[in-house]
Amino acid sequence: MKTVLMTAFEPFGGETINPSWEAVRALEGKQIGDATIVIRQLPVVFRDVLTVLYQALDEVKPDLILSVGQAGGRSDISVERIGINVDDARIPDNAGHQPVDEPVVAGGPAAYFSRLPIKAIVAAVREAGIPASVSQTAGTFTCNRVMYGLLHWLAQQERPARGGFIHIPYLPEQAAQHPGVPSMAVATIIRALEIAVQVTLETGDDIKQVGGATH
């Protein structure tokens, strides 16, 4: 039996909920194919988030890691392509810290590519009638820190594992406080995450399909 570790974040930026946690916590213990899902909540605190992530990785020893985060303003399931080695916070984190132009890992590579079959995931989520796309940036806040930190950790391991990051929109109750901003129902997000896990477990090499952007 395989193990899938799914992580999500606590609320931040003045929000009372985080859609990533609302979706991921519904998947605790769920079996998808021959894998069981284990979940962990991560703090939106730069100095602590990778410590909590790495503790979870050491405890769970997963075969697949799918980290999920809120991207208020985005309208679809955004499967991230790349994590970059920089923290550059537009707002303070939940501990009031606001790093600017600091590396995630001192001396680390400039970037890492996702270890998920990102285009196969997007295609399958769309096939299920859910908006999805490949995203070329995970930002420079704690979501990117987790994505880069996860991929850096995976690069140091002898045991092969897959991992990456997905951003999701606000929930409708959040969007109600941000007029004009798109949202997605939590049940839809949960279904998209289930598909992402299933596709990753079943897919070796990613499909070759346009997923780029002109800007």
Protein backbone atom coordinates (compact mmCIF):
# COMPACT_ATOMS: atom_id res chain seq x y z
CA MET A 1 0.00 0.00 0.00
CA LYS A 2 1.33 3.41 -0.99
CA THR A 3 1.02 6.60 1.04
CA VAL A 4 0.14 10.04 -0.26
CA LEU A 5 0.98 13.03 1.92
CA MET A 6 -1.23 16.03 1.22
CA THR A 7 -0.43 19.36 2.85
CA ALA A 8 -2.45 22.54 3.10
CA PHE A 9 -2.18 25.85 4.92
CA GLU A 10 -3.79 27.62 7.81
CA PRO A 11 -5.69 30.88 7.04
CA PHE A 12 -3.65 34.01 6.36
CA GLY A 13 -3.91 37.55 5.02
CA GLY A 14 -7.01 38.39 7.06
CA GLU A 15 -9.03 35.37 5.89
CA THR A 16 -10.82 33.21 8.47
CA ILE A 17 -10.55 30.02 6.40
CA ASN A 18 -8.11 28.63 3.88
CA PRO A 19 -9.70 26.70 0.99
CA SER A 20 -6.66 24.44 0.73
CA TRP A 21 -7.21 23.13 4.25
CA GLU A 22 -10.99 22.92 3.85
CA ALA A 23 -10.49 20.67 0.83
CA VAL A 24 -7.51 18.62 1.97
CA ARG A 25 -8.89 17.79 5.40
CA ALA A 26 -11.86 16.10 3.74
CA LEU A 27 -9.43 13.60 2.18
CA GLU A 28 -7.84 12.32 5.39
CA GLY A 29 -7.67 8.52 5.25
CA LYS A 30 -9.24 8.27 1.81
CA GLN A 31 -8.00 5.45 -0.40
CA ILE A 32 -7.33 6.20 -4.05
CA GLY A 33 -6.21 3.19 -6.04
CA ASP A 34 -3.58 1.43 -3.96
CA ALA A 35 -2.73 4.53 -1.92
CA THR A 36 -3.99 6.02 1.34
CA ILE A 37 -4.01 9.77 1.96
CA VAL A 38 -2.42 11.31 5.05
CA ILE A 39 -2.82 15.05 5.64
CA ARG A 40 -0.89 17.77 7.46
CA GLN A 41 -1.58 21.46 8.01
CA LEU A 42 1.30 23.87 7.46
CA PRO A 43 1.79 27.26 9.11
CA VAL A 44 1.94 30.41 7.01
CA VAL A 45 5.19 31.33 8.72
CA PHE A 46 8.40 31.48 6.70
CA ARG A 47 10.72 30.36 9.49
CA ASP A 48 8.58 27.36 10.50
CA VAL A 49 6.86 26.01 7.41
CA LEU A 50 9.67 23.86 6.03
CA THR A 51 10.47 22.48 9.47
CA VAL A 52 6.87 21.28 9.80
CA LEU A 53 6.92 19.92 6.23
CA TYR A 54 10.17 18.03 6.71
CA GLN A 55 8.96 16.54 9.99
CA ALA A 56 5.88 15.25 8.18
CA LEU A 57 7.98 13.81 5.37
CA ASP A 58 10.21 11.98 7.85
CA GLU A 59 7.21 10.62 9.77
CA VAL A 60 5.00 9.59 6.86
CA LYS A 61 7.67 8.54 4.33
CA PRO A 62 5.23 9.10 1.45
CA ASP A 63 5.42 7.85 -2.10
CA LEU A 64 3.69 11.00 -3.35
CA ILE A 65 3.47 14.49 -1.88
CA LEU A 66 0.84 16.92 -3.08
CA SER A 67 0.95 20.36 -1.49
CA VAL A 68 -2.03 22.65 -1.95
CA GLY A 69 -2.40 26.38 -1.37
CA GLN A 70 -4.80 29.29 -1.74
CA ALA A 71 -4.44 31.62 -4.71
CA GLY A 72 -7.11 34.26 -4.27
CA GLY A 73 -7.94 35.81 -7.63
CA ARG A 74 -7.23 32.71 -9.71
CA SER A 75 -10.22 31.11 -11.38
CA ASP A 76 -9.08 27.52 -11.85
CA ILE A 77 -7.09 24.60 -10.51
CA SER A 78 -3.53 25.80 -11.14
CA VAL A 79 -0.96 23.00 -11.37
CA GLU A 80 2.41 24.58 -10.73
CA ARG A 81 5.32 23.91 -13.07
CA ILE A 82 8.22 25.44 -11.14
CA GLY A 83 9.41 26.52 -7.70
CA ILE A 84 12.05 29.25 -7.47
CA ASN A 85 14.72 29.88 -4.85
CA VAL A 86 13.47 33.20 -3.50
CA ASP A 87 11.27 34.50 -0.71
CA ASP A 88 9.83 37.93 -1.54
CA ALA A 89 6.74 38.51 0.58
CA ARG A 90 4.16 41.08 -0.56
CA ILE A 91 2.51 40.86 2.87
CA PRO A 92 3.78 39.74 6.30
CA ASP A 93 3.31 36.12 7.25
CA ASN A 94 1.27 35.04 10.28
CA ALA A 95 4.20 35.79 12.55
CA GLY A 96 4.65 39.29 11.11
CA HIS A 97 7.78 38.38 9.16
CA GLN A 98 8.21 39.73 5.63
CA PRO A 99 11.37 38.49 3.92
CA VAL A 100 12.43 40.28 0.75
CA ASP A 101 14.84 38.84 -1.83
CA GLU A 102 16.03 36.05 0.45
CA PRO A 103 16.80 32.50 -0.74
CA VAL A 104 14.62 29.60 0.27
CA VAL A 105 17.76 27.47 0.45
CA ALA A 106 21.09 29.28 0.60
CA GLY A 107 23.29 28.04 -2.24
CA GLY A 108 20.47 25.97 -3.74
CA PRO A 109 19.66 25.81 -7.45
CA ALA A 110 17.72 28.72 -8.93
CA ALA A 111 14.65 26.53 -9.49
CA TYR A 112 13.19 23.04 -9.53
CA PHE A 113 10.54 21.63 -11.85
CA SER A 114 7.53 19.80 -10.44
CA ARG A 115 7.72 16.04 -10.18
CA LEU A 116 4.03 15.70 -11.00
CA PRO A 117 2.66 14.86 -14.46
CA ILE A 118 1.31 18.40 -14.60
CA LYS A 119 -0.18 18.34 -18.08
CA ALA A 120 -1.82 14.96 -17.61
CA ILE A 121 -3.40 16.29 -14.42
CA VAL A 122 -4.70 19.40 -16.15
CA ALA A 123 -6.15 17.32 -19.00
CA ALA A 124 -7.91 14.92 -16.63
CA VAL A 125 -9.32 17.68 -14.43
CA ARG A 126 -10.66 19.48 -17.50
CA GLU A 127 -12.15 16.23 -18.77
CA ALA A 128 -14.10 16.08 -15.51
CA GLY A 129 -15.57 19.50 -16.30
CA ILE A 130 -13.40 21.45 -13.86
CA PRO A 131 -11.37 24.49 -15.02
CA ALA A 132 -7.63 23.82 -14.79
CA SER A 133 -4.35 25.05 -16.23
CA VAL A 134 -0.60 24.79 -15.94
CA SER A 135 0.73 27.71 -13.90
CA GLN A 136 4.19 29.09 -14.56
CA THR A 137 4.61 30.70 -11.14
CA ALA A 138 3.86 29.64 -7.59
CA GLY A 139 4.49 33.20 -6.43
CA THR A 140 7.14 34.15 -3.88
CA PHE A 141 5.23 33.68 -0.63
CA THR A 142 5.02 30.57 1.57
CA CYS A 143 3.42 28.45 -1.19
CA ASN A 144 6.50 28.81 -3.36
CA ARG A 145 8.69 28.25 -0.29
CA VAL A 146 6.95 24.92 0.28
CA MET A 147 7.14 23.91 -3.37
CA TYR A 148 10.83 24.73 -3.68
CA GLY A 149 11.62 23.29 -0.25
CA LEU A 150 9.78 20.07 -1.07
CA LEU A 151 11.51 19.61 -4.42
CA HIS A 152 14.90 20.41 -2.87
CA TRP A 153 14.25 17.75 -0.22
CA LEU A 154 13.22 15.22 -2.85
CA ALA A 155 16.39 15.92 -4.82
CA GLN A 156 18.45 14.82 -1.80
CA GLN A 157 16.65 11.51 -1.30
CA GLU A 158 17.79 8.13 -2.59
CA ARG A 159 14.24 6.75 -2.43
CA PRO A 160 12.29 7.94 -5.46
CA ALA A 161 9.12 9.90 -4.76
CA ARG A 162 6.97 12.35 -6.67
CA GLY A 163 5.79 15.71 -5.49
CA GLY A 164 4.54 19.11 -6.48
CA PHE A 165 2.14 21.93 -5.78
CA ILE A 166 -1.37 22.94 -6.79
CA HIS A 167 -2.99 26.33 -6.23
CA ILE A 168 -6.75 26.64 -5.85
CA PRO A 169 -9.21 29.58 -5.92
CA TYR A 170 -11.12 31.15 -3.06
CA LEU A 171 -14.23 29.42 -1.78
CA PRO A 172 -17.53 31.23 -2.51
CA GLU A 173 -17.84 32.45 1.08
CA GLN A 174 -14.46 34.14 0.74
CA ALA A 175 -15.23 35.61 -2.67
CA ALA A 176 -18.38 37.15 -1.21
CA GLN A 177 -16.05 39.47 0.70
CA HIS A 178 -14.04 40.28 -2.44
CA PRO A 179 -16.58 41.41 -5.07
CA GLY A 180 -15.67 40.38 -8.61
CA VAL A 181 -13.12 37.76 -7.54
CA PRO A 182 -13.69 34.19 -8.83
CA SER A 183 -14.32 31.22 -6.58
CA MET A 184 -14.81 27.47 -6.68
CA ALA A 185 -16.97 25.18 -4.52
CA VAL A 186 -15.07 23.03 -2.04
CA ALA A 187 -16.65 19.84 -3.44
CA THR A 188 -15.28 20.72 -6.88
CA ILE A 189 -11.82 21.37 -5.46
CA ILE A 190 -11.88 18.07 -3.60
CA ARG A 191 -12.77 16.21 -6.80
CA ALA A 192 -9.95 17.93 -8.68
CA LEU A 193 -7.44 16.94 -6.00
CA GLU A 194 -8.65 13.34 -6.08
CA ILE A 195 -8.11 13.33 -9.84
CA ALA A 196 -4.63 14.82 -9.42
CA VAL A 197 -3.65 12.03 -7.04
CA GLN A 198 -5.15 9.31 -9.21
CA VAL A 199 -3.49 10.59 -12.38
CA THR A 200 -0.10 10.86 -10.69
CA LEU A 201 -0.34 7.33 -9.34
CA GLU A 202 -1.27 5.98 -12.78
CA THR A 203 0.97 8.11 -15.02
CA GLY A 204 4.65 7.67 -15.73
CA ASP A 205 5.88 10.17 -18.29
CA ASP A 206 3.75 13.28 -18.65
CA ILE A 207 1.76 13.87 -21.82
CA LYS A 208 3.05 16.34 -24.40
CA GLN A 209 0.42 19.04 -24.67
CA VAL A 210 0.51 22.82 -24.88
CA GLY A 211 0.50 24.37 -21.42
CA GLY A 212 2.62 27.44 -21.91
CA ALA A 213 1.80 31.13 -21.72
CA THR A 214 2.72 34.17 -23.80
CA HIS A 215 3.04 36.42 -20.74
